[in-house]
Amino acid sequence: MKVIGKPVLATLAIVLLFCIKANAQDAQGWSILPHITSGDGGEKSESVFRSGVGIDGKYNFHKYWSVLAGIEYEYRYGKGENFTQREGLKHFFRLPVRAEFTYRWFYINLGPYIERATNTRFSDNETVDFGVGSMVEIGGRAQVSKKDYVRLGVQSQYCVYKGTLDGQSCFSGNGYWAILGVIVYEHHF
C-alpha cells in the first residue's frame, strides 16, 4: 500500500502544478462587488424580514473560478414577543468567504460566514455571542460595459448561534434559515 501511495502522490503533485500554471495563465484579476439583499427567514419560530448591504472583493484565479470575501450589514425586523425585547439583535455584521463558479451569464457561489449582532443580549438569561453559517447564491449576470456586470440572484443561508444560556456556553439549534434576493454591481479592475 505504501509503494502505491508514493507514485499516486507524486502524480497528483505534478497534475496540481500544471493546474496552477494553467490557472496563472488564465488569471482575470480583481473585482469589487457592492450589493443589496432582501428577503425572509425564520428565527426562533418567527418570520423575520431581512434587508442588507455589503461589499465583496473578488479574485478571479481562473477563467471560471474565483474567491470572494467581504463584509455585510443586515437589519432584521420581525413581529412577535421575541422582537420586542431585542433591539440590539436587529443589527448584524457578517464576514463571508465564498468560492464561485461562473460560466457565461450563470454563476453560483458558496461558502461559510461568521456574524455578530451589535448588542448580544437576547433576554435576561440568554446572549448570542456570534453565528456561524453557510450560504449558497445562484444567479445570472448581464454585461453592461466592458468591465461591468449587473447580477441578480437568490441566496440561501443557514446559521447556528454560539451563545450563553443561564451561564452555560452552548451552540443553539435555534439559528435561522433564510432566502434572500440579491442585486449586485460587479466591476473588474
Protein backbone atom coordinates (compact mmCIF):
# COMPACT_ATOMS: atom_id res chain seq x y z
CA MET A 1 0.00 0.00 0.00
CA LYS A 2 2.83 2.41 0.85
CA VAL A 3 4.54 1.72 -2.52
CA ILE A 4 1.38 2.61 -4.45
CA GLY A 5 0.79 5.73 -2.31
CA LYS A 6 4.06 7.47 -3.25
CA PRO A 7 3.57 7.29 -7.06
CA VAL A 8 -0.04 8.42 -6.69
CA LEU A 9 1.00 11.38 -4.54
CA ALA A 10 3.78 12.29 -6.98
CA THR A 11 1.35 12.15 -9.92
CA LEU A 12 -1.19 14.31 -8.06
CA ALA A 13 1.53 16.85 -7.23
CA ILE A 14 2.55 17.10 -10.90
CA VAL A 15 -1.08 17.47 -12.05
CA LEU A 16 -1.65 20.16 -9.40
CA LEU A 17 1.46 22.02 -10.56
CA PHE A 18 0.17 22.07 -14.16
CA CYS A 19 -3.29 23.22 -12.97
CA ILE A 20 -1.75 26.09 -11.01
CA LYS A 21 0.39 27.08 -14.00
CA ALA A 22 -2.66 26.94 -16.30
CA ASN A 23 -4.69 28.99 -13.80
CA ALA A 24 -1.98 31.62 -13.64
CA GLN A 25 -2.06 31.96 -17.44
CA ASP A 26 -5.86 32.44 -17.40
CA ALA A 27 -5.83 34.92 -14.49
CA GLN A 28 -8.59 37.51 -14.78
CA GLY A 29 -7.67 39.85 -11.91
CA TRP A 30 -9.67 41.63 -9.21
CA SER A 31 -13.28 42.79 -8.97
CA ILE A 32 -15.34 44.73 -6.47
CA LEU A 33 -18.99 43.83 -5.87
CA PRO A 34 -21.27 46.17 -3.88
CA HIS A 35 -24.66 44.55 -3.28
CA ILE A 36 -28.04 44.73 -1.58
CA THR A 37 -30.11 41.85 -0.20
CA SER A 38 -33.69 41.49 0.93
CA GLY A 39 -35.80 38.53 1.95
CA ASP A 40 -37.36 36.47 4.68
CA GLY A 41 -36.28 33.74 7.05
CA GLY A 42 -37.30 32.01 10.23
CA GLU A 43 -35.69 32.72 13.59
CA LYS A 44 -36.88 31.29 16.92
CA SER A 45 -40.08 30.11 15.16
CA GLU A 46 -40.87 33.62 13.90
CA SER A 47 -40.82 35.06 10.42
CA VAL A 48 -38.05 37.65 10.10
CA PHE A 49 -37.70 40.21 7.29
CA ARG A 50 -34.06 40.93 6.39
CA SER A 51 -32.53 43.71 4.39
CA GLY A 52 -28.83 44.34 3.97
CA VAL A 53 -25.96 45.96 2.12
CA GLY A 54 -22.42 44.77 1.62
CA ILE A 55 -19.29 44.79 -0.46
CA ASP A 56 -17.15 41.88 -1.65
CA GLY A 57 -13.68 41.72 -3.09
CA LYS A 58 -13.34 39.04 -5.76
CA TYR A 59 -10.16 37.48 -7.13
CA ASN A 60 -10.56 35.57 -10.41
CA PHE A 61 -7.80 32.99 -10.39
CA HIS A 62 -9.14 31.08 -13.40
CA LYS A 63 -11.45 31.70 -16.32
CA TYR A 64 -14.33 30.06 -14.41
CA TRP A 65 -13.25 30.07 -10.75
CA SER A 66 -12.86 32.86 -8.22
CA VAL A 67 -12.80 33.58 -4.47
CA LEU A 68 -14.92 36.25 -2.77
CA ALA A 69 -14.54 37.80 0.69
CA GLY A 70 -16.40 40.74 2.11
CA ILE A 71 -18.37 42.47 4.83
CA GLU A 72 -22.14 42.86 5.11
CA TYR A 73 -24.56 44.75 7.33
CA GLU A 74 -28.06 43.30 7.81
CA TYR A 75 -31.13 44.73 9.51
CA ARG A 76 -33.73 42.22 10.75
CA TYR A 77 -37.32 43.06 11.56
CA GLY A 78 -39.95 40.66 12.87
CA LYS A 79 -43.21 40.71 14.73
CA GLY A 80 -43.62 38.73 17.91
CA GLU A 81 -42.71 38.83 21.57
CA ASN A 82 -39.08 37.84 20.92
CA PHE A 83 -38.53 41.00 18.85
CA THR A 84 -39.99 43.43 21.38
CA GLN A 85 -37.12 42.76 23.81
CA ARG A 86 -34.10 42.57 21.49
CA GLU A 87 -33.38 45.87 19.82
CA GLY A 88 -29.65 45.16 19.51
CA LEU A 89 -30.24 41.81 17.81
CA LYS A 90 -31.75 43.60 14.83
CA HIS A 91 -28.37 44.88 13.55
CA PHE A 92 -25.84 42.29 12.33
CA PHE A 93 -22.42 42.36 10.68
CA ARG A 94 -21.31 39.35 8.64
CA LEU A 95 -17.95 38.27 7.19
CA PRO A 96 -18.48 35.78 4.32
CA VAL A 97 -15.85 33.88 2.30
CA ARG A 98 -17.03 32.05 -0.81
CA ALA A 99 -15.80 30.14 -3.85
CA GLU A 100 -17.53 30.99 -7.12
CA PHE A 101 -18.01 29.24 -10.46
CA THR A 102 -19.01 31.45 -13.42
CA TYR A 103 -19.91 30.29 -16.93
CA ARG A 104 -21.08 32.92 -19.40
CA TRP A 105 -24.16 34.51 -17.77
CA PHE A 106 -24.58 31.91 -14.97
CA TYR A 107 -22.87 31.97 -11.57
CA ILE A 108 -23.01 30.01 -8.33
CA ASN A 109 -21.05 30.67 -5.15
CA LEU A 110 -20.97 29.08 -1.74
CA GLY A 111 -19.03 29.23 1.49
CA PRO A 112 -19.04 29.87 5.23
CA TYR A 113 -19.54 33.06 7.21
CA ILE A 114 -19.48 34.37 10.74
CA GLU A 115 -21.79 37.07 12.05
CA ARG A 116 -22.27 39.15 15.17
CA ALA A 117 -25.01 41.43 16.44
CA THR A 118 -24.29 44.96 17.63
CA ASN A 119 -25.81 44.03 21.01
CA THR A 120 -25.63 40.38 22.02
CA ARG A 121 -28.36 40.34 24.72
CA PHE A 122 -31.34 38.18 23.67
CA SER A 123 -33.11 38.07 27.02
CA ASP A 124 -32.28 38.40 30.72
CA ASN A 125 -30.63 34.97 30.83
CA GLU A 126 -29.54 34.44 27.19
CA THR A 127 -26.92 36.07 24.98
CA VAL A 128 -25.96 35.41 21.37
CA ASP A 129 -22.18 35.75 21.06
CA PHE A 130 -21.83 35.04 17.33
CA GLY A 131 -23.30 33.00 14.49
CA VAL A 132 -21.61 30.51 12.16
CA GLY A 133 -23.28 29.61 8.91
CA SER A 134 -23.11 28.76 5.26
CA MET A 135 -24.56 30.46 2.21
CA VAL A 136 -25.25 29.48 -1.40
CA GLU A 137 -26.06 32.00 -4.12
CA ILE A 138 -27.25 31.18 -7.65
CA GLY A 139 -27.97 33.73 -10.32
CA GLY A 140 -27.32 35.33 -13.64
CA ARG A 141 -25.38 38.34 -14.81
CA ALA A 142 -25.65 40.77 -17.70
CA GLN A 143 -22.72 42.74 -19.08
CA VAL A 144 -23.39 46.49 -19.12
CA SER A 145 -19.92 47.62 -20.28
CA LYS A 146 -16.52 46.10 -20.98
CA LYS A 147 -15.66 45.81 -17.26
CA ASP A 148 -19.07 45.94 -15.58
CA TYR A 149 -21.88 43.48 -14.90
CA VAL A 150 -25.22 43.57 -13.11
CA ARG A 151 -26.03 40.36 -11.26
CA LEU A 152 -29.41 39.12 -9.99
CA GLY A 153 -29.52 36.10 -7.73
CA VAL A 154 -31.14 34.14 -4.96
CA GLN A 155 -29.20 33.41 -1.78
CA SER A 156 -29.90 30.76 0.83
CA GLN A 157 -28.37 30.99 4.32
CA TYR A 158 -28.32 28.67 7.30
CA CYS A 159 -26.82 29.75 10.64
CA VAL A 160 -26.43 28.44 14.19
CA TYR A 161 -25.61 30.66 17.14
CA LYS A 162 -22.99 30.30 19.84
CA GLY A 163 -24.31 31.88 22.99
CA THR A 164 -24.76 31.70 26.73
CA LEU A 165 -27.93 30.39 28.36
CA ASP A 166 -28.26 30.52 32.15
CA GLY A 167 -24.48 30.95 32.44
CA GLN A 168 -23.67 27.92 30.23
CA SER A 169 -21.89 28.34 26.88
CA CYS A 170 -23.62 26.45 24.05
CA PHE A 171 -24.33 26.29 20.34
CA SER A 172 -28.01 26.82 19.68
CA GLY A 173 -30.05 24.83 17.20
CA ASN A 174 -32.37 27.86 17.14
CA GLY A 175 -30.44 29.67 14.46
CA TYR A 176 -32.11 30.60 11.21
CA TRP A 177 -32.64 29.66 7.60
CA ALA A 178 -33.28 32.46 5.10
CA ILE A 179 -33.95 33.04 1.40
CA LEU A 180 -32.84 36.42 0.04
CA GLY A 181 -32.94 38.19 -3.30
CA VAL A 182 -29.59 39.71 -4.30
CA ILE A 183 -28.76 42.61 -6.62
CA VAL A 184 -25.04 43.08 -7.33
CA TYR A 185 -22.97 45.50 -9.39
CA GLU A 186 -19.67 43.88 -10.43
CA HIS A 187 -16.72 46.00 -11.59
CA HIS A 188 -13.48 44.39 -12.91
CA PHE A 189 -10.19 46.23 -12.50
